[in-house]
Amino acid sequence: MKTSSFTRLALALALGTTLTACSSSSSNVSDQKAPGSESRPVLSAAEASNFTAQHWFASMKPDAEPWRPASVSLPQQPDFVVGPANAEGVTHTSIQAAVDAAIIKHSSQRQYIAVLPGDYEGTVYIPAASNSITLYGTGAKPADVKIGLALDSEMDVTTWRHTVNPSGKYMPGKPAWYMFDSCQKQRGASVGALCSAAVWSQNNGLQLQNLTIQNTLGDGVGAGNHQAVALRSDGDQVQINGVNLLGRQNTFLVTNNDIQNNLQADRLTRTLVTRSYIEGDVDLVAGRGAVVFDNTDFRVVASRQSEQGYVFAPATRPNMFYGFLAVNSRFIADGDGVAQLGRAWDIEAAENGYAPGQTANGQVVIRDSVIGKGFNQERPWGDALGSKRPFAGNIGDGADDQGNPQRDVNDPRFNRLWEFNNSEDSGE
């Protein structure tokens, strides 16, 4: 653990805690009307009624109850405390050691890990287990506890292994060994985006609160493709509350990978993010899963002038109707009319290889939120990543007697990137 601050985004940390605290639903009046335009499609009120958090948290099993997340509740006495060796009540001096101990305990009860203020340089891997983990900071604000490391998707495996595991904290027999091992066995020239995460969890029921998680790669590596994931989550029923996520590209990567680190076609992972702050320069939130962001701030920073900034890059399967939902949130971007709200990630498709109804067709709804002037108001959605298919919004074919657009909002011939009741913040 280090007690000094190390991050290229020190100012953003201060902004993040402030923005998170003051975020709320828009007080501006929205002028968005359905069906919108082919470059900026807008849902009707009737259509939007189907895009609420309860639908995101439904189970894939028809007879199973939906997930109903309650507020994160903390105990008076945590199971483990991370901090300096001489601090009162401390059980471990590293977060990974506390996570290992919580998993090895094999308890059927949730395990609570409290983290004292400080900078914790290094990765944290939270494996799949029979019990769930709650990891929370004890400081006055999220910036008081910083967890992270500088990792690059373009690192070769040897460099990555020495960076991630310099002192052997991941070893055979330890709970998170299988996660580390799956990455060090990569055969490619680089370790890839999936293994560039500073914090990686496969824990179902994981809860994170009052923390800053950061990939501190920065811009020294130059332009080009350098994913630098702050948090990667593969678990189901995950809650993130009052957390700053700071990265470069793919800041928050949510997937449905199994324990062999393979992407799944039919596994649903559900996540709730509240009162948080997410920052990066390209594809801030990416991947596959059902994620609801409520009262959350997204900031696109202009780190690489040659790159277009995007907030969302969903890789939602075509048979999944719910990808990313942002509600009562705020979108901020450097510059003026430059950034875009998102683009589909056609993850299985090569250039011109999109197959309607077969390959991923990312799904996003942004509603009841404020869009800053840094975003392109005329064309807020970009062409797809991977296949490069041009963005195509579905405005339907006329309207019914009540004025509702006649369209299938999941028509695979079109993008599924939508807005409803958003307003523009001209003061940004």
Protein backbone atom coordinates (compact mmCIF):
# COMPACT_ATOMS: atom_id res chain seq x y z
CA MET A 1 0.00 0.00 0.00
CA LYS A 2 1.14 3.53 -0.77
CA THR A 3 0.01 6.59 1.12
CA SER A 4 0.81 9.05 -1.67
CA SER A 5 -1.49 9.74 -4.61
CA PHE A 6 -0.60 8.43 -8.08
CA THR A 7 -2.97 9.10 -10.97
CA ARG A 8 -3.00 11.10 -14.20
CA LEU A 9 -6.55 12.12 -13.30
CA ALA A 10 -6.12 13.75 -9.91
CA LEU A 11 -8.30 16.66 -10.93
CA ALA A 12 -10.92 14.29 -12.31
CA LEU A 13 -11.05 12.51 -8.98
CA ALA A 14 -12.03 15.73 -7.30
CA LEU A 15 -14.54 16.46 -10.05
CA GLY A 16 -15.87 12.94 -9.84
CA THR A 17 -16.79 13.10 -6.20
CA THR A 18 -18.44 16.47 -6.74
CA LEU A 19 -20.34 15.43 -9.85
CA THR A 20 -21.51 12.23 -8.24
CA ALA A 21 -22.81 14.11 -5.26
CA CYS A 22 -24.81 16.62 -7.27
CA SER A 23 -26.12 14.40 -10.06
CA SER A 24 -29.85 14.28 -10.37
CA SER A 25 -32.56 13.94 -12.92
CA SER A 26 -32.71 16.76 -15.42
CA SER A 27 -34.49 19.95 -14.36
CA ASN A 28 -34.43 21.10 -18.00
CA VAL A 29 -37.38 20.50 -20.27
CA SER A 30 -36.80 17.87 -22.94
CA ASP A 31 -37.77 18.66 -26.51
CA GLN A 32 -37.25 15.08 -27.72
CA LYS A 33 -40.19 13.63 -29.62
CA ALA A 34 -40.72 10.17 -31.07
CA PRO A 35 -39.79 8.80 -33.51
CA GLY A 36 -36.80 11.14 -33.70
CA SER A 37 -34.57 10.90 -36.76
CA GLU A 38 -32.57 8.17 -38.45
CA SER A 39 -29.43 9.59 -36.83
CA ARG A 40 -31.07 10.18 -33.43
CA PRO A 41 -34.05 7.87 -32.81
CA VAL A 42 -36.31 8.67 -29.86
CA LEU A 43 -38.67 6.33 -28.02
CA SER A 44 -42.32 7.16 -27.45
CA ALA A 45 -43.69 7.15 -23.91
CA ALA A 46 -45.39 3.82 -24.61
CA GLU A 47 -42.15 2.31 -25.89
CA ALA A 48 -40.13 3.78 -23.03
CA SER A 49 -42.43 2.13 -20.49
CA ASN A 50 -40.77 -1.16 -21.40
CA PHE A 51 -37.30 0.19 -20.72
CA THR A 52 -37.13 0.43 -16.94
CA ALA A 53 -34.77 -1.21 -14.45
CA GLN A 54 -37.16 -4.03 -13.59
CA HIS A 55 -36.90 -5.39 -17.12
CA TRP A 56 -33.10 -5.32 -17.00
CA PHE A 57 -33.15 -7.43 -13.84
CA ALA A 58 -35.50 -10.16 -15.05
CA SER A 59 -34.15 -13.70 -15.21
CA MET A 60 -33.59 -15.66 -18.41
CA LYS A 61 -35.51 -18.52 -16.76
CA PRO A 62 -39.26 -17.97 -17.25
CA ASP A 63 -40.20 -19.32 -13.81
CA ALA A 64 -37.46 -17.50 -11.87
CA GLU A 65 -38.00 -14.37 -9.81
CA PRO A 66 -36.34 -11.17 -11.05
CA TRP A 67 -33.42 -9.72 -9.14
CA ARG A 68 -34.58 -6.98 -6.78
CA PRO A 69 -31.44 -5.23 -5.51
CA ALA A 70 -31.69 -3.47 -2.16
CA SER A 71 -29.35 -0.72 -0.96
CA VAL A 72 -25.88 -1.85 0.05
CA SER A 73 -25.93 -2.37 3.81
CA LEU A 74 -22.70 -2.39 5.79
CA PRO A 75 -22.08 -4.19 9.10
CA GLN A 76 -20.83 -2.55 12.28
CA GLN A 77 -17.89 -4.94 12.22
CA PRO A 78 -16.47 -6.14 8.87
CA ASP A 79 -15.02 -9.61 8.46
CA PHE A 80 -11.70 -8.23 7.21
CA VAL A 81 -9.98 -4.84 7.34
CA VAL A 82 -7.26 -3.74 4.90
CA GLY A 83 -4.79 -1.01 5.80
CA PRO A 84 -1.33 -0.27 7.25
CA ALA A 85 0.16 -3.01 9.42
CA ASN A 86 0.12 -0.86 12.55
CA ALA A 87 -3.44 0.42 12.18
CA GLU A 88 -6.07 -0.70 14.66
CA GLY A 89 -8.24 -3.60 13.55
CA VAL A 90 -6.27 -4.30 10.36
CA THR A 91 -6.29 -7.97 9.33
CA HIS A 92 -4.46 -7.63 5.98
CA THR A 93 -2.17 -5.10 4.37
CA SER A 94 -3.28 -5.91 0.80
CA ILE A 95 -6.74 -6.13 -0.70
CA GLN A 96 -5.91 -9.30 -2.62
CA ALA A 97 -4.86 -11.07 0.58
CA ALA A 98 -8.17 -10.13 2.21
CA VAL A 99 -10.12 -11.33 -0.83
CA ASP A 100 -8.23 -14.65 -0.75
CA ALA A 101 -9.01 -15.06 2.93
CA ALA A 102 -12.70 -14.31 2.38
CA ILE A 103 -12.95 -16.92 -0.38
CA ILE A 104 -10.94 -19.56 1.49
CA LYS A 105 -13.29 -19.17 4.44
CA HIS A 106 -15.96 -21.02 2.40
CA SER A 107 -18.71 -19.30 4.32
CA SER A 108 -22.28 -19.32 3.09
CA GLN A 109 -22.59 -15.74 4.33
CA ARG A 110 -21.60 -12.56 2.53
CA GLN A 111 -18.07 -11.48 3.45
CA TYR A 112 -17.37 -7.79 4.15
CA ILE A 113 -13.96 -6.28 3.43
CA ALA A 114 -13.36 -2.73 4.69
CA VAL A 115 -10.49 -0.76 3.15
CA LEU A 116 -8.87 2.10 5.06
CA PRO A 117 -7.95 5.29 3.15
CA GLY A 118 -4.80 5.05 1.03
CA ASP A 119 -3.45 4.18 -2.42
CA TYR A 120 -3.37 0.44 -3.14
CA GLU A 121 -1.20 -0.10 -6.20
CA GLY A 122 -1.71 -3.43 -7.91
CA THR A 123 -4.42 -5.62 -9.36
CA VAL A 124 -7.28 -7.19 -7.44
CA TYR A 125 -8.91 -10.40 -8.72
CA ILE A 126 -12.14 -11.53 -7.08
CA PRO A 127 -12.94 -15.11 -8.16
CA ALA A 128 -16.19 -16.99 -8.54
CA ALA A 129 -17.17 -18.53 -5.21
CA SER A 130 -20.04 -19.85 -3.14
CA ASN A 131 -20.11 -16.61 -1.16
CA SER A 132 -20.39 -13.00 -2.25
CA ILE A 133 -17.95 -10.19 -1.43
CA THR A 134 -18.66 -6.62 -0.33
CA LEU A 135 -15.58 -4.40 -0.77
CA TYR A 136 -15.92 -0.86 0.54
CA GLY A 137 -13.82 2.14 1.45
CA THR A 138 -14.02 3.69 4.90
CA GLY A 139 -13.02 7.20 3.84
CA ALA A 140 -15.23 10.25 3.65
CA LYS A 141 -15.38 10.05 -0.17
CA PRO A 142 -14.55 7.59 -2.99
CA ALA A 143 -11.23 9.32 -3.76
CA ASP A 144 -9.90 8.41 -0.29
CA VAL A 145 -9.36 4.78 -1.35
CA LYS A 146 -7.64 4.30 -4.72
CA ILE A 147 -7.07 0.85 -6.21
CA GLY A 148 -5.30 0.30 -9.50
CA LEU A 149 -2.32 -0.18 -11.77
CA ALA A 150 -1.11 0.86 -15.23
CA LEU A 151 -1.97 -1.99 -17.61
CA ASP A 152 -2.16 -1.97 -21.41
CA SER A 153 -4.00 -4.42 -23.65
CA GLU A 154 -0.99 -4.23 -25.98
CA MET A 155 1.46 -5.58 -23.38
CA ASP A 156 3.13 -8.83 -24.31
CA VAL A 157 2.35 -11.68 -21.92
CA THR A 158 5.77 -11.69 -20.27
CA THR A 159 5.65 -7.97 -19.48
CA TRP A 160 2.07 -8.30 -18.26
CA ARG A 161 2.92 -11.24 -16.00
CA HIS A 162 5.84 -9.41 -14.38
CA THR A 163 3.73 -6.26 -13.93
CA VAL A 164 0.71 -8.01 -12.44
CA ASN A 165 2.46 -10.62 -10.33
CA PRO A 166 5.90 -9.32 -9.32
CA SER A 167 5.90 -10.89 -5.85
CA GLY A 168 3.90 -14.04 -6.48
CA LYS A 169 0.57 -13.02 -4.94
CA TYR A 170 -1.11 -15.21 -7.56
CA MET A 171 0.12 -18.75 -7.07
CA PRO A 172 -1.28 -22.27 -7.67
CA GLY A 173 -3.65 -23.16 -4.87
CA LYS A 174 -4.78 -19.58 -4.25
CA PRO A 175 -8.40 -18.71 -5.13
CA ALA A 176 -7.65 -16.26 -7.95
CA TRP A 177 -4.88 -18.32 -9.55
CA TYR A 178 -7.18 -19.59 -12.31
CA MET A 179 -7.93 -16.00 -13.37
CA PHE A 180 -4.28 -15.00 -13.55
CA ASP A 181 -3.38 -18.27 -15.26
CA SER A 182 -6.00 -17.84 -17.98
CA CYS A 183 -4.33 -14.57 -18.98
CA GLN A 184 -0.72 -15.70 -18.76
CA LYS A 185 -1.60 -18.56 -21.13
CA GLN A 186 -2.59 -16.15 -23.88
CA ARG A 187 -1.00 -17.15 -27.18
CA GLY A 188 -1.29 -13.87 -29.00
CA ALA A 189 1.28 -11.13 -29.39
CA SER A 190 -0.50 -9.11 -26.71
CA VAL A 191 -2.48 -9.92 -23.61
CA GLY A 192 -5.66 -8.24 -24.91
CA ALA A 193 -8.39 -6.05 -23.42
CA LEU A 194 -9.92 -8.73 -21.21
CA CYS A 195 -6.68 -9.09 -19.25
CA SER A 196 -5.90 -5.37 -18.99
CA ALA A 197 -8.21 -4.84 -16.00
CA ALA A 198 -6.85 -3.37 -12.77
CA VAL A 199 -9.74 -4.96 -10.88
CA TRP A 200 -11.41 -8.09 -12.26
CA SER A 201 -14.30 -9.90 -10.63
CA GLN A 202 -16.17 -13.11 -11.44
CA ASN A 203 -18.01 -13.00 -8.12
CA ASN A 204 -21.80 -13.25 -8.23
CA GLY A 205 -23.39 -10.79 -5.83
CA LEU A 206 -20.28 -8.58 -5.66
CA GLN A 207 -20.81 -5.18 -4.04
CA LEU A 208 -18.40 -2.24 -4.41
CA GLN A 209 -18.90 1.01 -2.51
CA ASN A 210 -17.07 4.27 -1.79
CA LEU A 211 -13.92 3.44 -3.79
CA THR A 212 -11.88 4.68 -6.74
CA ILE A 213 -10.76 2.02 -9.20
CA GLN A 214 -8.31 3.23 -11.82
CA ASN A 215 -6.15 2.04 -14.67
CA THR A 216 -3.36 4.59 -14.64
CA LEU A 217 -1.91 3.80 -18.09
CA GLY A 218 -2.24 7.41 -19.20
CA ASP A 219 -1.33 8.81 -22.59
CA GLY A 220 2.40 8.10 -22.61
CA VAL A 221 1.81 5.04 -24.80
CA GLY A 222 0.52 7.30 -27.56
CA ALA A 223 -2.46 6.97 -29.86
CA GLY A 224 -3.85 3.80 -31.33
CA ASN A 225 -5.52 0.81 -29.75
CA HIS A 226 -4.54 0.73 -26.06
CA GLN A 227 -7.41 -0.58 -23.98
CA ALA A 228 -6.84 0.11 -20.31
CA VAL A 229 -9.68 -1.37 -18.27
CA ALA A 230 -10.25 -0.10 -14.73
CA LEU A 231 -12.96 -2.59 -13.73
CA ARG A 232 -13.98 -5.80 -15.44
CA SER A 233 -16.98 -7.69 -14.07
CA ASP A 234 -18.23 -11.11 -15.21
CA GLY A 235 -20.56 -11.73 -12.26
CA ASP A 236 -24.33 -11.63 -11.93
CA GLN A 237 -26.30 -9.45 -9.48
CA VAL A 238 -23.44 -6.97 -9.02
CA GLN A 239 -23.91 -3.62 -7.26
CA ILE A 240 -21.61 -0.63 -7.61
CA ASN A 241 -22.46 2.41 -5.49
CA GLY A 242 -20.52 5.63 -5.03
CA VAL A 243 -17.52 4.43 -7.04
CA ASN A 244 -15.16 6.36 -9.33
CA LEU A 245 -14.01 4.33 -12.36
CA LEU A 246 -11.10 5.96 -14.20
CA GLY A 247 -9.42 4.57 -17.30
CA ARG A 248 -8.42 5.21 -20.86
CA GLN A 249 -10.32 2.88 -23.22
CA ASN A 250 -12.99 0.40 -22.01
CA THR A 251 -12.91 1.87 -18.49
CA PHE A 252 -15.73 -0.42 -17.36
CA LEU A 253 -15.85 -3.76 -19.17
CA VAL A 254 -18.80 -5.96 -18.33
CA THR A 255 -18.92 -9.45 -19.80
CA ASN A 256 -20.60 -12.81 -19.34
CA ASN A 257 -17.42 -14.89 -19.53
CA ASP A 258 -17.20 -18.21 -17.74
CA ILE A 259 -14.36 -19.34 -15.45
CA GLN A 260 -12.38 -20.45 -18.53
CA ASN A 261 -12.50 -16.80 -19.62
CA ASN A 262 -14.64 -17.63 -22.65
CA LEU A 263 -17.45 -15.35 -23.81
CA GLN A 264 -20.86 -17.00 -23.45
CA ALA A 265 -23.83 -16.70 -25.78
CA ASP A 266 -26.58 -17.44 -23.28
CA ARG A 267 -25.40 -16.29 -19.85
CA LEU A 268 -27.01 -13.16 -18.37
CA THR A 269 -25.02 -10.92 -16.04
CA ARG A 270 -26.97 -8.15 -14.30
CA THR A 271 -25.41 -5.06 -12.71
CA LEU A 272 -26.70 -1.95 -10.94
CA VAL A 273 -24.49 1.16 -10.84
CA THR A 274 -25.66 4.08 -8.67
CA ARG A 275 -24.23 7.48 -7.69
CA SER A 276 -20.97 6.79 -9.49
CA TYR A 277 -18.54 8.48 -11.88
CA ILE A 278 -17.02 6.91 -15.00
CA GLU A 279 -14.29 8.53 -17.05
CA GLY A 280 -12.24 7.63 -20.12
CA ASP A 281 -11.63 8.67 -23.69
CA VAL A 282 -12.99 5.82 -25.86
CA ASP A 283 -15.81 3.34 -25.11
CA LEU A 284 -16.14 4.13 -21.40
CA VAL A 285 -18.61 1.26 -20.86
CA ALA A 286 -18.23 -1.77 -23.10
CA GLY A 287 -19.13 -5.41 -23.36
CA ARG A 288 -22.00 -7.80 -22.84
CA GLY A 289 -24.45 -7.76 -19.95
CA ALA A 290 -27.58 -6.07 -18.59
CA VAL A 291 -26.42 -2.95 -16.73
CA VAL A 292 -28.47 -0.14 -15.22
CA PHE A 293 -26.76 3.18 -14.44
CA ASP A 294 -28.82 5.39 -12.13
CA ASN A 295 -27.68 8.87 -11.09
CA THR A 296 -24.25 8.36 -12.63
CA ASP A 297 -21.88 10.78 -14.35
CA PHE A 298 -20.00 9.92 -17.54
CA ARG A 299 -17.09 12.08 -18.71
CA VAL A 300 -15.33 11.70 -22.05
CA VAL A 301 -11.85 13.26 -21.85
CA ALA A 302 -10.00 14.37 -24.99
CA SER A 303 -6.83 12.40 -24.36
CA ARG A 304 -6.27 11.28 -27.96
CA GLN A 305 -7.28 13.98 -30.40
CA SER A 306 -7.24 11.53 -33.31
CA GLU A 307 -9.81 9.30 -31.64
CA GLN A 308 -13.54 9.88 -31.43
CA GLY A 309 -14.84 9.60 -27.90
CA TYR A 310 -17.76 7.27 -27.16
CA VAL A 311 -19.54 6.49 -23.89
CA PHE A 312 -21.13 3.11 -24.63
CA ALA A 313 -19.95 0.18 -26.75
CA PRO A 314 -22.49 -2.61 -26.13
CA ALA A 315 -22.06 -6.11 -27.56
CA THR A 316 -25.57 -7.28 -26.65
CA ARG A 317 -26.65 -10.59 -28.17
CA PRO A 318 -29.53 -10.22 -30.67
CA ASN A 319 -31.78 -12.44 -28.51
CA MET A 320 -31.19 -10.18 -25.49
CA PHE A 321 -33.48 -7.15 -25.42
CA TYR A 322 -31.73 -5.25 -22.62
CA GLY A 323 -28.13 -4.08 -22.70
CA PHE A 324 -27.21 -0.77 -21.02
CA LEU A 325 -29.72 1.62 -19.43
CA ALA A 326 -28.75 5.08 -18.16
CA VAL A 327 -31.38 7.00 -16.21
CA ASN A 328 -31.23 10.26 -14.23
CA SER A 329 -27.62 10.62 -15.33
CA ARG A 330 -25.31 13.24 -16.78
CA PHE A 331 -23.03 13.08 -19.85
CA ILE A 332 -20.08 15.45 -20.07
CA ALA A 333 -17.38 15.66 -22.77
CA ASP A 334 -14.36 17.80 -23.49
CA GLY A 335 -14.63 19.94 -26.60
CA ASP A 336 -17.72 21.18 -28.38
CA GLY A 337 -20.05 18.86 -30.32
CA VAL A 338 -17.37 16.21 -30.75
CA ALA A 339 -18.06 13.16 -28.59
CA GLN A 340 -20.76 10.57 -29.23
CA LEU A 341 -23.01 8.70 -26.85
CA GLY A 342 -22.00 5.32 -28.17
CA ARG A 343 -21.64 2.77 -30.92
CA ALA A 344 -22.56 -0.88 -31.23
CA TRP A 345 -19.76 -3.41 -30.76
CA ASP A 346 -20.33 -6.11 -33.36
CA ILE A 347 -17.98 -8.35 -31.48
CA GLU A 348 -18.30 -11.47 -33.65
CA ALA A 349 -18.23 -9.64 -36.97
CA ALA A 350 -15.33 -8.59 -39.17
CA GLU A 351 -15.62 -5.57 -41.44
CA ASN A 352 -18.88 -5.77 -43.42
CA GLY A 353 -19.65 -9.02 -41.61
CA TYR A 354 -22.72 -8.02 -39.59
CA ALA A 355 -25.41 -10.71 -39.91
CA PRO A 356 -28.84 -9.46 -38.73
CA GLY A 357 -30.24 -11.65 -36.00
CA GLN A 358 -27.04 -13.68 -35.68
CA THR A 359 -24.23 -11.41 -34.55
CA ALA A 360 -24.27 -8.98 -31.63
CA ASN A 361 -26.49 -5.91 -31.97
CA GLY A 362 -25.68 -3.64 -29.04
CA GLN A 363 -28.63 -2.23 -27.07
CA VAL A 364 -28.62 1.05 -25.10
CA VAL A 365 -31.33 3.33 -23.73
CA ILE A 366 -30.46 6.76 -22.29
CA ARG A 367 -33.47 8.37 -20.64
CA ASP A 368 -34.38 11.22 -18.31
CA SER A 369 -30.78 12.45 -18.43
CA VAL A 370 -28.74 15.53 -19.35
CA ILE A 371 -26.48 15.55 -22.43
CA GLY A 372 -23.70 18.15 -22.35
CA LYS A 373 -22.77 20.37 -25.28
CA GLY A 374 -19.55 18.39 -25.79
CA PHE A 375 -21.63 15.76 -27.59
CA ASN A 376 -22.66 15.79 -31.23
CA GLN A 377 -26.34 16.70 -30.96
CA GLU A 378 -27.14 15.88 -34.59
CA ARG A 379 -25.32 12.54 -34.76
CA PRO A 380 -24.83 11.26 -31.20
CA TRP A 381 -24.34 7.62 -32.26
CA GLY A 382 -21.36 6.28 -34.21
CA ASP A 383 -20.85 3.49 -36.71
CA ALA A 384 -20.36 0.02 -35.29
CA LEU A 385 -17.05 -1.17 -33.93
CA GLY A 386 -15.81 -4.29 -35.73
CA SER A 387 -18.17 -4.57 -38.69
CA LYS A 388 -18.09 -0.80 -39.35
CA ARG A 389 -21.76 -0.89 -40.36
CA PRO A 390 -23.15 2.65 -40.56
CA PHE A 391 -25.49 3.67 -37.77
CA ALA A 392 -29.12 3.18 -38.78
CA GLY A 393 -31.88 4.39 -36.47
CA ASN A 394 -35.37 2.89 -36.77
CA ILE A 395 -37.99 5.62 -37.13
CA GLY A 396 -40.68 3.16 -38.16
CA ASP A 397 -43.31 3.26 -40.86
CA GLY A 398 -45.90 5.79 -39.83
CA ALA A 399 -47.89 5.98 -36.59
CA ASP A 400 -50.98 4.40 -35.07
CA ASP A 401 -54.19 6.21 -34.08
CA GLN A 402 -52.54 7.40 -30.84
CA GLY A 403 -49.52 8.76 -32.68
CA ASN A 404 -47.17 5.97 -31.59
CA PRO A 405 -44.51 4.95 -34.11
CA GLN A 406 -45.11 1.66 -35.89
CA ARG A 407 -41.83 -0.20 -35.48
CA ASP A 408 -40.11 -3.15 -33.85
CA VAL A 409 -37.54 -1.69 -31.45
CA ASN A 410 -35.54 -4.94 -31.74
CA ASP A 411 -35.54 -5.10 -35.53
CA PRO A 412 -32.04 -6.48 -36.30
CA ARG A 413 -31.78 -4.46 -39.50
CA PHE A 414 -31.36 -1.35 -37.36
CA ASN A 415 -29.27 -0.25 -34.41
CA ARG A 416 -30.82 -0.51 -30.95
CA LEU A 417 -29.40 2.72 -29.53
CA TRP A 418 -32.19 4.90 -28.16
CA GLU A 419 -33.02 8.06 -26.20
CA PHE A 420 -36.06 9.24 -24.28
CA ASN A 421 -36.83 12.49 -22.45
CA ASN A 422 -33.24 13.77 -22.40
CA SER A 423 -32.32 17.44 -22.31
CA GLU A 424 -29.28 19.37 -23.40
CA ASP A 425 -27.07 21.08 -20.83
CA SER A 426 -26.00 24.19 -22.70
CA GLY A 427 -23.97 25.37 -19.72
CA GLU A 428 -21.29 22.68 -20.11
